[in-house]
Amino acid sequence: MNENDKNTDSVPPARVETPRAKPRREARFSWIWLVPLVAVLVGASLLFRDWLHTGPTVTISFESADGLEVGQTRIRYKDVVIGTVSDIKVAPDRKTVLVSAELDSEGSEYITQKDSRFWVVRPRLGISGITGLGTILSGAYISVDAPQTLDDKASPVYHFEGLEQPPEVRSGRPGTRFVLVSKDLGSLDIGAPVYFRKIQVGQVVGYSLEESGEAVKVQVFVDAPHDKYVTRDTRFWNAGGINLSLDADGFKVETGSLVSVVAGGVAFAAPEGSDAARAAPNTQFALASTREKALADPDGLAFPIVMSFAQSVRGLKVGAPIDFRGLELGNVSDIDLAYDAENKRFYARVQANLYPMRLGSLYDGMVERAGKKGRPGATMLSSLVLHGLRAQMRAANLLTGQQYIALDFFPDAPPLAMDTNSIPLAIPTVAGSFDRLQQQISNIVDKVEAIPFEDIGKDLSGSLKSLDQLMRNLDGKLAPQATSMLRTAEKSIARIGRLLDQNSPLNDNLESTMRELSSAARSLRALADYLQTHPSSLIRGRAADPMPVTP
């Protein structure tokens, strides 16, 4: 053992510690759980957001749910989506379908008003063109029109009756509504144009019957600023379709634009010189059939009269004019057949309505003289009848046979007193001009029938035979003599032609004679000149020739 070994044995060995196992501390929360937690939070936020944006649910009734789908069909206001259809079911009475729609909370207070209107937008062919073409690709949707002003005091409405057709006038469109009253609708339809000076300024938005059923009310809408031209004196008339008239003035055809021909139209104007105030909304106006009737002066109250005609009234129709010196005073209202038991004959009883106000100042004077208690129309007609006023049927159009009644003066008519208290007032009549024309034609026919055509025919036949015999004599005797005479005349003309020929002896003799006459004329002219120079030669004779002078 060496020294190193000794030293090693003397050092005590190092103490080795015993290893201890220290367990790892377990985690109480795992980060993997953050994923579903975040998903829950996101879902809750989305639900909360939907809850904040979801407004009330409204129910709309339609006749059909064609094109509508739950969760797909949108509710739009001014082309902005404001809701979605959430449910579709059939109504308990099975007459309509109920469409439930969830609206957005923002702006829903404007939609849930009483006057809001809902309709389904589909492709439609209307008067103004084709609408809703965009729904061919996107599908149908429900459009809503809400009032522009919000009524805070009114309770919200959640049940609506949907429109089957889009409204013609939306809320907020500037303009004014008016009501026109007519006996019938004529050719008008919703969407028909309204014209002022042949410019479209509005349209027909609806129509309905009056409660009595005796007239039709037509609602029209005139856009601003053209609605200011509608005054209290404005007259409206039907300007649509094709107006055909055949009367005393002839055949007339009046047409408007293509739209007015198809769907009708309304026009309006004010009488010249009118300065009436602007008409209030929903003011009622009478709708005339033509422009002439609309702009005519007011007729006032009708004055009934009755006339009795013994002749036929063929061609006289209800509505035929009552004419006085070219002025239409009224129209025929009824034509009946009556029997006169005393004279045992039938006659036509024609009733008519006169409008004395059409006489103008003449009627005004009669009103002043009659006073408030009198009947100025009866008084005026009574005085005119005393001076020969009578009613007479006359032909208005010979082509169609139409007739009218003329009030005119007949000087030969005897004076006749009238009962001015009778209603209707009886106007005496005279035979019509057409009947007189028929009588004259009948007289002419009678005279023609009295002509002895058979005797005239016999005489004419004898005259023709004599003429034929004469022509035969002329052809047998006179013709050969005339032919011989013509030949002789032809020979004479040929001889005269040869006599007057340029190289004939006669022409040569005439030329030599003319030369001699010309020479004699020159000698006479020379003699005249000499006598003018030497007048004394007539007494003394001709002077001797002078002797030549010798140079």
Protein backbone atom coordinates (compact mmCIF):
# COMPACT_ATOMS: atom_id res chain seq x y z
CA MET A 1 0.00 0.00 0.00
CA ASN A 2 1.56 3.16 -0.97
CA GLU A 3 1.20 6.58 0.53
CA ASN A 4 -1.57 7.61 -1.72
CA ASP A 5 -3.61 4.68 -0.72
CA LYS A 6 -3.19 5.58 2.87
CA ASN A 7 -4.33 9.03 2.37
CA THR A 8 -7.37 7.76 0.55
CA ASP A 9 -8.34 5.42 3.27
CA SER A 10 -8.04 8.07 5.91
CA VAL A 11 -10.64 10.43 4.13
CA PRO A 12 -14.16 9.52 4.94
CA PRO A 13 -16.47 8.97 1.88
CA ALA A 14 -18.91 11.79 0.74
CA ARG A 15 -22.59 11.51 1.74
CA VAL A 16 -24.95 10.92 -1.19
CA GLU A 17 -28.45 12.34 -0.68
CA THR A 18 -31.42 10.15 -1.48
CA PRO A 19 -33.44 11.48 -4.49
CA ARG A 20 -37.02 12.64 -3.78
CA ALA A 21 -39.87 12.58 -6.32
CA LYS A 22 -41.79 15.89 -6.37
CA PRO A 23 -45.25 15.46 -7.94
CA ARG A 24 -46.37 18.06 -10.63
CA ARG A 25 -49.13 20.39 -9.60
CA GLU A 26 -52.38 19.66 -11.54
CA ALA A 27 -53.98 22.56 -13.58
CA ARG A 28 -57.65 23.43 -12.63
CA PHE A 29 -58.66 25.09 -16.07
CA SER A 30 -57.97 23.94 -19.62
CA TRP A 31 -57.54 26.52 -22.45
CA ILE A 32 -59.42 24.25 -24.81
CA TRP A 33 -62.62 25.29 -23.12
CA LEU A 34 -62.16 28.83 -24.44
CA VAL A 35 -63.33 27.73 -27.92
CA PRO A 36 -66.93 26.79 -26.98
CA LEU A 37 -67.04 29.68 -24.57
CA VAL A 38 -66.20 32.13 -27.34
CA ALA A 39 -68.73 30.44 -29.61
CA VAL A 40 -71.40 30.83 -26.94
CA LEU A 41 -70.53 34.48 -26.47
CA VAL A 42 -70.62 35.13 -30.21
CA GLY A 43 -73.96 33.36 -30.56
CA ALA A 44 -75.37 35.25 -27.61
CA SER A 45 -74.19 38.53 -29.07
CA LEU A 46 -75.78 37.68 -32.40
CA LEU A 47 -79.01 36.74 -30.72
CA PHE A 48 -78.91 39.92 -28.68
CA ARG A 49 -78.22 41.93 -31.82
CA ASP A 50 -81.10 40.24 -33.64
CA TRP A 51 -83.30 40.89 -30.65
CA LEU A 52 -82.34 44.56 -30.69
CA HIS A 53 -83.00 44.87 -34.45
CA THR A 54 -86.13 42.75 -34.57
CA GLY A 55 -89.25 44.79 -34.53
CA PRO A 56 -92.91 43.89 -34.30
CA THR A 57 -94.59 41.20 -36.37
CA VAL A 58 -97.39 42.32 -38.70
CA THR A 59 -100.02 40.17 -40.40
CA ILE A 60 -101.13 40.95 -43.95
CA SER A 61 -104.05 39.27 -45.70
CA PHE A 62 -103.86 38.52 -49.43
CA GLU A 63 -106.11 36.65 -51.80
CA SER A 64 -103.23 34.37 -52.76
CA ALA A 65 -99.70 33.61 -51.60
CA ASP A 66 -98.39 33.15 -55.13
CA GLY A 67 -94.63 33.75 -55.20
CA LEU A 68 -94.26 34.18 -51.41
CA GLU A 69 -91.91 31.94 -49.37
CA VAL A 70 -91.21 31.82 -45.64
CA GLY A 71 -87.75 33.16 -44.82
CA GLN A 72 -87.12 34.18 -48.44
CA THR A 73 -89.65 36.87 -49.32
CA ARG A 74 -88.55 40.33 -48.16
CA ILE A 75 -90.53 43.34 -47.04
CA ARG A 76 -89.28 46.50 -48.74
CA TYR A 77 -89.95 50.17 -48.19
CA LYS A 78 -88.57 52.45 -50.91
CA ASP A 79 -86.57 49.41 -52.15
CA VAL A 80 -84.89 48.99 -48.71
CA VAL A 81 -85.34 45.65 -46.95
CA ILE A 82 -87.14 46.24 -43.63
CA GLY A 83 -88.38 42.74 -42.83
CA THR A 84 -88.86 39.12 -43.83
CA VAL A 85 -91.87 36.85 -44.18
CA SER A 86 -91.91 34.52 -41.17
CA ASP A 87 -95.13 32.56 -41.65
CA ILE A 88 -97.84 31.90 -44.25
CA LYS A 89 -101.14 30.25 -43.45
CA VAL A 90 -104.71 30.12 -44.65
CA ALA A 91 -107.20 32.35 -42.86
CA PRO A 92 -109.86 30.65 -40.69
CA ASP A 93 -112.60 31.64 -43.16
CA ARG A 94 -110.47 30.18 -46.03
CA LYS A 95 -111.12 33.26 -48.15
CA THR A 96 -107.63 34.75 -47.84
CA VAL A 97 -104.11 33.84 -46.75
CA LEU A 98 -102.41 35.43 -43.73
CA VAL A 99 -98.79 36.41 -44.22
CA SER A 100 -96.79 37.18 -41.08
CA ALA A 101 -93.74 39.37 -41.47
CA GLU A 102 -91.10 40.34 -38.94
CA LEU A 103 -90.10 43.98 -39.29
CA ASP A 104 -86.88 45.62 -38.26
CA SER A 105 -87.13 47.65 -35.12
CA GLU A 106 -85.66 50.74 -36.74
CA GLY A 107 -88.42 52.73 -38.39
CA SER A 108 -91.14 50.19 -37.61
CA GLU A 109 -93.25 52.88 -35.97
CA TYR A 110 -93.79 54.41 -39.43
CA ILE A 111 -94.85 51.08 -40.93
CA THR A 112 -97.37 50.15 -38.23
CA GLN A 113 -99.65 53.10 -38.96
CA LYS A 114 -103.28 52.85 -39.91
CA ASP A 115 -102.83 54.17 -43.47
CA SER A 116 -99.92 51.89 -44.42
CA ARG A 117 -100.51 49.80 -47.54
CA PHE A 118 -98.94 46.48 -48.55
CA TRP A 119 -98.93 44.75 -51.95
CA VAL A 120 -96.98 42.00 -53.71
CA VAL A 121 -94.60 43.15 -56.43
CA ARG A 122 -94.77 40.84 -59.44
CA PRO A 123 -94.30 41.37 -63.19
CA ARG A 124 -97.42 43.24 -64.36
CA LEU A 125 -98.55 44.62 -67.68
CA GLY A 126 -100.38 47.89 -67.18
CA ILE A 127 -101.39 51.01 -69.06
CA SER A 128 -98.14 52.77 -68.23
CA GLY A 129 -96.03 49.76 -69.29
CA ILE A 130 -94.51 46.61 -67.75
CA THR A 131 -93.55 46.81 -64.08
CA GLY A 132 -91.80 44.42 -61.70
CA LEU A 133 -89.45 42.89 -64.25
CA GLY A 134 -86.70 42.72 -61.62
CA THR A 135 -88.67 40.09 -59.68
CA ILE A 136 -88.19 37.56 -62.51
CA LEU A 137 -84.72 36.78 -61.13
CA SER A 138 -84.97 37.89 -57.51
CA GLY A 139 -88.49 36.63 -56.84
CA ALA A 140 -91.56 38.44 -55.65
CA TYR A 141 -91.42 40.71 -52.61
CA ILE A 142 -93.89 42.70 -50.54
CA SER A 143 -93.69 46.46 -50.89
CA VAL A 144 -95.10 48.88 -48.35
CA ASP A 145 -96.22 52.48 -48.63
CA ALA A 146 -96.38 54.37 -45.33
CA PRO A 147 -97.61 57.88 -44.51
CA GLN A 148 -94.95 60.56 -44.50
CA THR A 149 -95.98 61.97 -41.12
CA LEU A 150 -96.03 60.02 -37.85
CA ASP A 151 -99.07 60.29 -35.60
CA ASP A 152 -97.72 59.88 -32.09
CA LYS A 153 -101.18 59.73 -30.55
CA ALA A 154 -102.43 56.85 -32.73
CA SER A 155 -101.99 53.27 -31.56
CA PRO A 156 -99.84 50.98 -33.75
CA VAL A 157 -101.64 48.63 -36.12
CA TYR A 158 -100.40 45.07 -36.72
CA HIS A 159 -103.10 43.67 -39.02
CA PHE A 160 -103.44 44.94 -42.59
CA GLU A 161 -105.44 44.06 -45.69
CA GLY A 162 -103.07 43.76 -48.62
CA LEU A 163 -103.70 45.33 -52.01
CA GLU A 164 -103.98 43.12 -55.08
CA GLN A 165 -102.79 45.96 -57.32
CA PRO A 166 -100.08 48.53 -56.61
CA PRO A 167 -101.46 51.94 -55.59
CA GLU A 168 -101.40 54.50 -58.35
CA VAL A 169 -100.36 57.31 -56.02
CA ARG A 170 -97.81 56.78 -53.29
CA SER A 171 -97.72 58.70 -50.03
CA GLY A 172 -95.75 61.91 -50.20
CA ARG A 173 -96.38 62.47 -53.90
CA PRO A 174 -97.11 66.20 -54.28
CA GLY A 175 -100.50 66.93 -55.74
CA THR A 176 -104.22 67.11 -55.00
CA ARG A 177 -107.09 64.65 -55.22
CA PHE A 178 -110.44 65.57 -56.74
CA VAL A 179 -113.72 63.71 -57.20
CA LEU A 180 -115.61 63.63 -60.51
CA VAL A 181 -119.29 62.63 -60.66
CA SER A 182 -120.66 61.01 -63.82
CA LYS A 183 -123.68 58.96 -64.86
CA ASP A 184 -121.43 56.09 -65.89
CA LEU A 185 -117.75 55.19 -65.98
CA GLY A 186 -117.52 55.12 -69.77
CA SER A 187 -114.09 54.10 -71.05
CA LEU A 188 -112.20 55.25 -67.94
CA ASP A 189 -109.98 52.91 -65.97
CA ILE A 190 -107.50 53.19 -63.12
CA GLY A 191 -104.32 54.76 -64.44
CA ALA A 192 -106.09 56.68 -67.20
CA PRO A 193 -104.37 60.03 -67.84
CA VAL A 194 -105.65 63.47 -66.86
CA TYR A 195 -104.88 66.23 -69.39
CA PHE A 196 -104.63 69.98 -69.18
CA ARG A 197 -104.11 71.69 -72.54
CA LYS A 198 -103.27 68.20 -73.92
CA ILE A 199 -100.41 67.76 -71.40
CA GLN A 200 -100.70 64.87 -68.95
CA VAL A 201 -100.80 66.34 -65.45
CA GLY A 202 -102.33 63.47 -63.45
CA GLN A 203 -104.21 60.20 -63.58
CA VAL A 204 -107.32 58.37 -62.45
CA VAL A 205 -106.64 56.63 -59.13
CA GLY A 206 -109.98 54.98 -58.39
CA TYR A 207 -113.72 54.87 -58.89
CA SER A 208 -116.78 53.72 -56.99
CA LEU A 209 -120.56 53.81 -57.12
CA GLU A 210 -122.55 56.28 -55.11
CA GLU A 211 -124.63 54.88 -52.28
CA SER A 212 -127.79 55.49 -54.32
CA GLY A 213 -126.30 53.69 -57.32
CA GLU A 214 -127.37 56.51 -59.66
CA ALA A 215 -123.90 57.87 -60.41
CA VAL A 216 -120.21 56.99 -60.38
CA LYS A 217 -117.55 58.82 -58.42
CA VAL A 218 -114.16 58.93 -60.12
CA GLN A 219 -111.11 59.88 -58.04
CA VAL A 220 -108.38 61.73 -59.94
CA PHE A 221 -104.99 62.93 -58.77
CA VAL A 222 -103.42 66.05 -60.29
CA ASP A 223 -99.69 66.41 -59.71
CA ALA A 224 -98.15 69.57 -58.34
CA PRO A 225 -97.64 72.26 -59.52
CA HIS A 226 -100.39 71.65 -62.10
CA ASP A 227 -103.05 71.25 -59.41
CA LYS A 228 -103.10 75.01 -58.97
CA TYR A 229 -104.92 75.29 -62.31
CA VAL A 230 -107.93 73.45 -60.90
CA THR A 231 -110.29 76.19 -59.68
CA ARG A 232 -113.89 76.23 -58.53
CA ASP A 233 -115.00 77.05 -62.09
CA THR A 234 -112.96 74.28 -63.71
CA ARG A 235 -114.88 71.94 -66.04
CA PHE A 236 -113.97 68.28 -66.55
CA TRP A 237 -114.94 66.11 -69.51
CA ASN A 238 -114.28 62.61 -70.81
CA ALA A 239 -111.47 62.81 -73.37
CA GLY A 240 -110.87 59.10 -73.83
CA GLY A 241 -111.82 56.50 -76.39
CA ILE A 242 -113.09 57.35 -79.85
CA ASN A 243 -116.04 59.73 -79.93
CA LEU A 244 -118.29 59.28 -82.93
CA SER A 245 -121.23 61.63 -83.51
CA LEU A 246 -123.71 61.94 -86.32
CA ASP A 247 -126.00 64.94 -86.04
CA ALA A 248 -127.19 67.97 -87.96
CA ASP A 249 -123.59 69.15 -88.30
CA GLY A 250 -122.54 65.91 -89.99
CA PHE A 251 -120.27 63.02 -89.03
CA LYS A 252 -117.56 63.75 -86.46
CA VAL A 253 -114.69 61.62 -85.16
CA GLU A 254 -112.64 62.75 -82.16
CA THR A 255 -109.68 60.79 -80.75
CA GLY A 256 -107.01 61.45 -78.15
CA SER A 257 -103.67 59.81 -77.45
CA LEU A 258 -103.17 56.06 -77.80
CA VAL A 259 -103.35 55.60 -74.00
CA SER A 260 -106.59 57.57 -73.78
CA VAL A 261 -108.07 55.54 -76.66
CA VAL A 262 -107.30 52.27 -74.86
CA ALA A 263 -107.97 53.20 -71.22
CA GLY A 264 -109.88 56.46 -71.50
CA GLY A 265 -108.84 59.87 -70.26
CA VAL A 266 -110.03 63.02 -68.53
CA ALA A 267 -109.34 66.62 -69.51
CA PHE A 268 -110.12 69.85 -67.73
CA ALA A 269 -110.11 73.57 -68.43
CA ALA A 270 -111.58 76.74 -67.02
CA PRO A 271 -113.92 79.06 -68.98
CA GLU A 272 -112.26 82.10 -70.50
CA GLY A 273 -112.15 85.06 -68.15
CA SER A 274 -112.60 82.92 -65.04
CA ASP A 275 -110.76 84.16 -61.96
CA ALA A 276 -112.16 81.76 -59.35
CA ALA A 277 -110.12 80.65 -56.36
CA ARG A 278 -108.15 77.43 -56.28
CA ALA A 279 -110.24 74.33 -55.57
CA ALA A 280 -109.81 72.54 -52.25
CA PRO A 281 -108.77 68.88 -52.08
CA ASN A 282 -111.55 66.32 -52.69
CA THR A 283 -113.77 68.96 -54.32
CA GLN A 284 -116.50 67.36 -56.44
CA PHE A 285 -116.93 68.28 -60.11
CA ALA A 286 -119.39 67.11 -62.75
CA LEU A 287 -117.82 65.01 -65.52
CA ALA A 288 -119.27 65.95 -68.92
CA SER A 289 -119.22 63.67 -71.95
CA THR A 290 -117.68 66.23 -74.36
CA ARG A 291 -115.69 69.44 -74.23
CA GLU A 292 -118.55 71.45 -75.74
CA LYS A 293 -120.96 70.37 -73.03
CA ALA A 294 -118.41 70.96 -70.29
CA LEU A 295 -117.56 74.53 -71.33
CA ALA A 296 -121.13 75.53 -72.19
CA ASP A 297 -122.79 78.24 -70.11
CA PRO A 298 -124.88 77.06 -67.15
CA ASP A 299 -128.36 75.98 -68.23
CA GLY A 300 -130.16 76.57 -64.96
CA LEU A 301 -133.42 74.80 -64.18
CA ALA A 302 -135.14 72.91 -66.98
CA PHE A 303 -138.56 74.14 -68.17
CA PRO A 304 -140.78 71.22 -69.28
CA ILE A 305 -142.98 71.52 -72.39
CA VAL A 306 -145.16 69.10 -74.35
CA MET A 307 -146.00 69.03 -78.07
CA SER A 308 -148.50 66.98 -80.06
CA PHE A 309 -147.73 65.91 -83.63
CA ALA A 310 -150.31 64.31 -85.91
CA GLN A 311 -147.73 63.12 -88.45
CA SER A 312 -145.13 60.39 -88.17
CA VAL A 313 -142.21 61.05 -85.84
CA ARG A 314 -139.85 58.59 -87.54
CA GLY A 315 -136.29 59.86 -87.15
CA LEU A 316 -137.06 61.85 -83.99
CA LYS A 317 -135.13 60.39 -81.06
CA VAL A 318 -134.88 61.12 -77.37
CA GLY A 319 -132.16 63.74 -76.99
CA ALA A 320 -132.95 65.44 -80.30
CA PRO A 321 -132.35 69.21 -80.09
CA ILE A 322 -135.06 71.87 -79.71
CA ASP A 323 -133.86 74.64 -82.01
CA PHE A 324 -134.84 78.32 -82.00
CA ARG A 325 -133.34 80.36 -84.83
CA GLY A 326 -130.17 78.26 -84.75
CA LEU A 327 -129.87 78.26 -80.93
CA GLU A 328 -130.33 74.96 -79.13
CA LEU A 329 -132.75 75.70 -76.29
CA GLY A 330 -133.31 72.15 -75.06
CA ASN A 331 -133.69 68.48 -75.87
CA VAL A 332 -136.43 65.93 -76.34
CA SER A 333 -136.91 63.92 -73.13
CA ASP A 334 -139.73 61.49 -74.04
CA ILE A 335 -141.81 60.34 -77.03
CA ASP A 336 -145.15 58.58 -76.45
CA LEU A 337 -148.10 57.50 -78.57
CA ALA A 338 -151.45 58.97 -77.43
CA TYR A 339 -155.06 58.66 -78.61
CA ASP A 340 -157.52 61.48 -79.18
CA ALA A 341 -160.92 59.99 -78.34
CA GLU A 342 -162.83 63.06 -79.55
CA ASN A 343 -161.30 63.07 -83.05
CA LYS A 344 -160.61 59.30 -83.00
CA ARG A 345 -157.02 59.49 -84.11
CA PHE A 346 -153.57 58.69 -82.79
CA TYR A 347 -150.89 61.31 -82.34
CA ALA A 348 -147.36 61.53 -80.97
CA ARG A 349 -146.93 63.22 -77.60
CA VAL A 350 -143.39 64.63 -77.39
CA GLN A 351 -142.02 65.98 -74.11
CA ALA A 352 -138.95 68.18 -73.94
CA ASN A 353 -136.93 70.28 -71.52
CA LEU A 354 -136.13 73.89 -72.36
CA TYR A 355 -133.42 75.96 -70.73
CA PRO A 356 -134.55 79.61 -70.96
CA MET A 357 -131.26 80.83 -69.48
CA ARG A 358 -129.66 80.12 -72.86
CA LEU A 359 -131.52 83.17 -74.19
CA GLY A 360 -129.22 85.36 -72.12
CA SER A 361 -130.29 88.95 -71.52
CA LEU A 362 -133.74 88.33 -73.01
CA TYR A 363 -134.50 85.86 -70.26
CA ASP A 364 -133.03 88.15 -67.61
CA GLY A 365 -135.47 90.87 -68.68
CA MET A 366 -138.38 88.44 -68.48
CA VAL A 367 -137.31 87.44 -64.97
CA GLU A 368 -137.28 91.07 -63.84
CA ARG A 369 -140.76 91.71 -65.26
CA ALA A 370 -142.20 88.48 -63.88
CA GLY A 371 -140.87 88.98 -60.37
CA LYS A 372 -140.19 86.29 -57.83
CA LYS A 373 -143.70 84.78 -57.88
CA GLY A 374 -144.17 84.54 -61.62
CA ARG A 375 -142.99 81.93 -64.13
CA PRO A 376 -140.83 83.89 -66.56
CA GLY A 377 -140.45 80.94 -68.94
CA ALA A 378 -144.21 80.42 -69.25
CA THR A 379 -144.84 84.14 -69.63
CA MET A 380 -142.23 84.45 -72.37
CA LEU A 381 -143.50 81.44 -74.32
CA SER A 382 -147.13 82.59 -74.00
CA SER A 383 -146.32 85.99 -75.53
CA LEU A 384 -144.32 84.35 -78.33
CA VAL A 385 -147.15 81.93 -79.16
CA LEU A 386 -149.54 84.88 -79.50
CA HIS A 387 -147.20 86.22 -82.19
CA GLY A 388 -147.14 82.96 -84.15
CA LEU A 389 -144.54 80.80 -82.42
CA ARG A 390 -145.06 77.13 -83.27
CA ALA A 391 -143.15 73.85 -83.01
CA GLN A 392 -142.30 72.05 -86.22
CA MET A 393 -140.39 68.85 -87.01
CA ARG A 394 -137.63 69.32 -89.54
CA ALA A 395 -135.05 67.09 -91.18
CA ALA A 396 -131.63 67.33 -89.55
CA ASN A 397 -129.87 64.96 -91.94
CA LEU A 398 -131.41 63.79 -95.19
CA LEU A 399 -128.91 60.94 -95.40
CA THR A 400 -129.84 59.35 -92.06
CA GLY A 401 -133.40 60.64 -91.77
CA GLN A 402 -132.76 62.25 -88.36
CA GLN A 403 -135.17 64.98 -87.33
CA TYR A 404 -135.26 67.75 -84.77
CA ILE A 405 -137.89 70.17 -83.48
CA ALA A 406 -137.68 73.82 -84.46
CA LEU A 407 -139.43 76.67 -82.68
CA ASP A 408 -140.17 79.33 -85.28
CA PHE A 409 -142.66 82.04 -86.15
CA PHE A 410 -145.38 81.37 -88.73
CA PRO A 411 -147.20 84.60 -89.71
CA ASP A 412 -150.23 82.69 -91.00
CA ALA A 413 -150.73 80.87 -87.70
CA PRO A 414 -153.83 82.10 -85.81
CA PRO A 415 -153.31 83.66 -82.36
CA LEU A 416 -153.67 81.12 -79.59
CA ALA A 417 -153.98 81.74 -75.86
CA MET A 418 -152.06 79.42 -73.54
CA ASP A 419 -152.58 78.28 -69.99
CA THR A 420 -149.37 79.43 -68.34
CA ASN A 421 -150.19 77.50 -65.14
CA SER A 422 -150.13 74.06 -66.80
CA ILE A 423 -147.14 71.83 -66.19
CA PRO A 424 -145.74 70.90 -68.63
CA LEU A 425 -146.63 73.83 -70.86
CA ALA A 426 -148.30 72.80 -74.14
CA ILE A 427 -146.76 74.32 -77.29
CA PRO A 428 -148.91 74.30 -80.50
CA THR A 429 -147.42 72.61 -83.55
CA VAL A 430 -147.61 72.81 -87.34
CA ALA A 431 -146.95 70.23 -90.02
CA GLY A 432 -143.29 69.58 -90.59
CA SER A 433 -141.36 70.58 -93.67
CA PHE A 434 -140.62 66.94 -94.36
CA ASP A 435 -144.33 66.14 -94.46
CA ARG A 436 -144.89 69.08 -96.81
CA LEU A 437 -142.11 67.79 -99.02
CA GLN A 438 -143.77 64.37 -99.06
CA GLN A 439 -147.10 66.00 -100.00
CA GLN A 440 -145.47 67.95 -102.81
CA ILE A 441 -143.80 64.80 -104.10
CA SER A 442 -147.15 63.02 -103.88
CA ASN A 443 -148.79 65.80 -105.95
CA ILE A 444 -146.02 65.57 -108.53
CA VAL A 445 -146.48 61.81 -108.73
CA ASP A 446 -150.24 62.28 -109.22
CA LYS A 447 -149.66 64.75 -112.05
CA VAL A 448 -147.15 62.42 -113.67
CA GLU A 449 -149.65 59.59 -113.45
CA ALA A 450 -152.26 61.78 -115.22
CA ILE A 451 -150.05 62.18 -118.31
CA PRO A 452 -151.41 59.97 -121.24
CA PHE A 453 -148.20 58.14 -121.91
CA GLU A 454 -150.00 55.52 -124.09
CA ASP A 455 -151.42 58.10 -126.52
CA ILE A 456 -148.12 59.93 -126.59
CA GLY A 457 -146.41 56.66 -127.40
CA LYS A 458 -148.78 55.97 -130.30
CA ASP A 459 -148.27 59.46 -131.74
CA LEU A 460 -144.54 59.13 -131.33
CA SER A 461 -144.60 55.77 -133.10
CA GLY A 462 -146.51 57.29 -136.08
CA SER A 463 -144.09 60.19 -136.23
CA LEU A 464 -141.16 57.81 -136.31
CA LYS A 465 -142.74 55.86 -139.19
CA SER A 466 -143.22 59.06 -141.20
CA LEU A 467 -139.66 60.06 -140.50
CA ASP A 468 -138.45 56.66 -141.64
CA GLN A 469 -140.39 56.98 -144.91
CA LEU A 470 -138.95 60.44 -145.46
CA MET A 471 -135.42 59.15 -144.95
CA ARG A 472 -136.01 56.38 -147.47
CA ASN A 473 -137.25 58.90 -150.06
CA LEU A 474 -134.25 61.07 -149.47
CA ASP A 475 -131.95 58.10 -149.83
CA GLY A 476 -133.62 56.92 -153.10
CA LYS A 477 -134.21 60.21 -154.97
CA LEU A 478 -132.28 63.03 -153.47
CA ALA A 479 -129.04 61.17 -152.95
CA PRO A 480 -128.29 60.45 -156.67
CA GLN A 481 -129.07 64.06 -157.64
CA ALA A 482 -126.84 65.33 -154.86
CA THR A 483 -124.06 63.04 -156.07
CA SER A 484 -124.33 64.38 -159.66
CA MET A 485 -124.33 67.95 -158.41
CA LEU A 486 -121.23 67.36 -156.38
CA ARG A 487 -119.42 65.90 -159.38
CA THR A 488 -120.34 68.96 -161.51
CA ALA A 489 -119.14 71.26 -158.77
CA GLU A 490 -115.88 69.33 -158.64
CA LYS A 491 -115.31 69.82 -162.38
CA SER A 492 -116.04 73.56 -162.12
CA ILE A 493 -113.57 73.95 -159.30
CA ALA A 494 -110.92 72.13 -161.37
CA ARG A 495 -111.46 74.51 -164.29
CA ILE A 496 -111.18 77.53 -162.06
CA GLY A 497 -107.97 76.09 -160.70
CA ARG A 498 -106.47 75.71 -164.15
CA LEU A 499 -107.60 79.24 -165.04
CA LEU A 500 -105.83 80.67 -162.00
CA ASP A 501 -102.69 78.64 -162.54
CA GLN A 502 -99.40 80.63 -162.55
CA ASN A 503 -98.54 79.83 -166.20
CA SER A 504 -102.04 80.33 -167.57
CA PRO A 505 -102.73 82.94 -170.37
CA LEU A 506 -104.98 84.83 -168.00
CA ASN A 507 -102.12 85.43 -165.60
CA ASP A 508 -99.88 86.61 -168.50
CA ASN A 509 -102.50 89.08 -169.75
CA LEU A 510 -103.01 90.35 -166.21
CA GLU A 511 -99.27 90.94 -165.80
CA SER A 512 -98.96 92.96 -169.11
CA THR A 513 -102.04 94.95 -168.20
CA MET A 514 -100.57 95.76 -164.81
CA ARG A 515 -97.32 96.92 -166.46
CA GLU A 516 -99.20 99.26 -168.79
CA LEU A 517 -101.21 100.63 -165.91
CA SER A 518 -97.99 101.27 -164.02
CA SER A 519 -96.50 103.16 -167.03
CA ALA A 520 -99.66 105.27 -167.36
CA ALA A 521 -99.51 106.08 -163.68
CA ARG A 522 -95.92 107.31 -164.04
CA SER A 523 -96.89 109.54 -167.01
CA LEU A 524 -99.76 111.02 -165.02
CA ARG A 525 -97.44 111.69 -162.09
CA ALA A 526 -94.95 113.49 -164.40
CA LEU A 527 -97.78 115.57 -165.94
CA ALA A 528 -99.00 116.54 -162.49
CA ASP A 529 -95.52 117.59 -161.47
CA TYR A 530 -95.15 119.75 -164.64
CA LEU A 531 -98.49 121.45 -164.16
CA GLN A 532 -97.62 122.21 -160.59
CA THR A 533 -94.41 123.85 -161.78
CA HIS A 534 -95.94 125.62 -164.85
CA PRO A 535 -99.60 126.20 -164.10
CA SER A 536 -99.88 128.75 -166.96
CA SER A 537 -99.27 126.02 -169.48
CA LEU A 538 -102.93 125.07 -169.12
CA ILE A 539 -103.81 128.39 -170.89
CA ARG A 540 -100.79 129.21 -173.01
CA GLY A 541 -99.72 125.72 -173.81
CA ARG A 542 -96.38 124.25 -173.44
CA ALA A 543 -93.49 126.67 -173.84
CA ALA A 544 -90.93 126.15 -176.58
CA ASP A 545 -87.79 124.39 -175.67
CA PRO A 546 -84.93 126.86 -174.96
CA MET A 547 -82.23 127.28 -177.56
CA PRO A 548 -78.86 125.93 -176.66
CA VAL A 549 -76.31 128.65 -175.81
CA THR A 550 -73.06 128.57 -177.69
CA PRO A 551 -70.06 129.29 -175.51
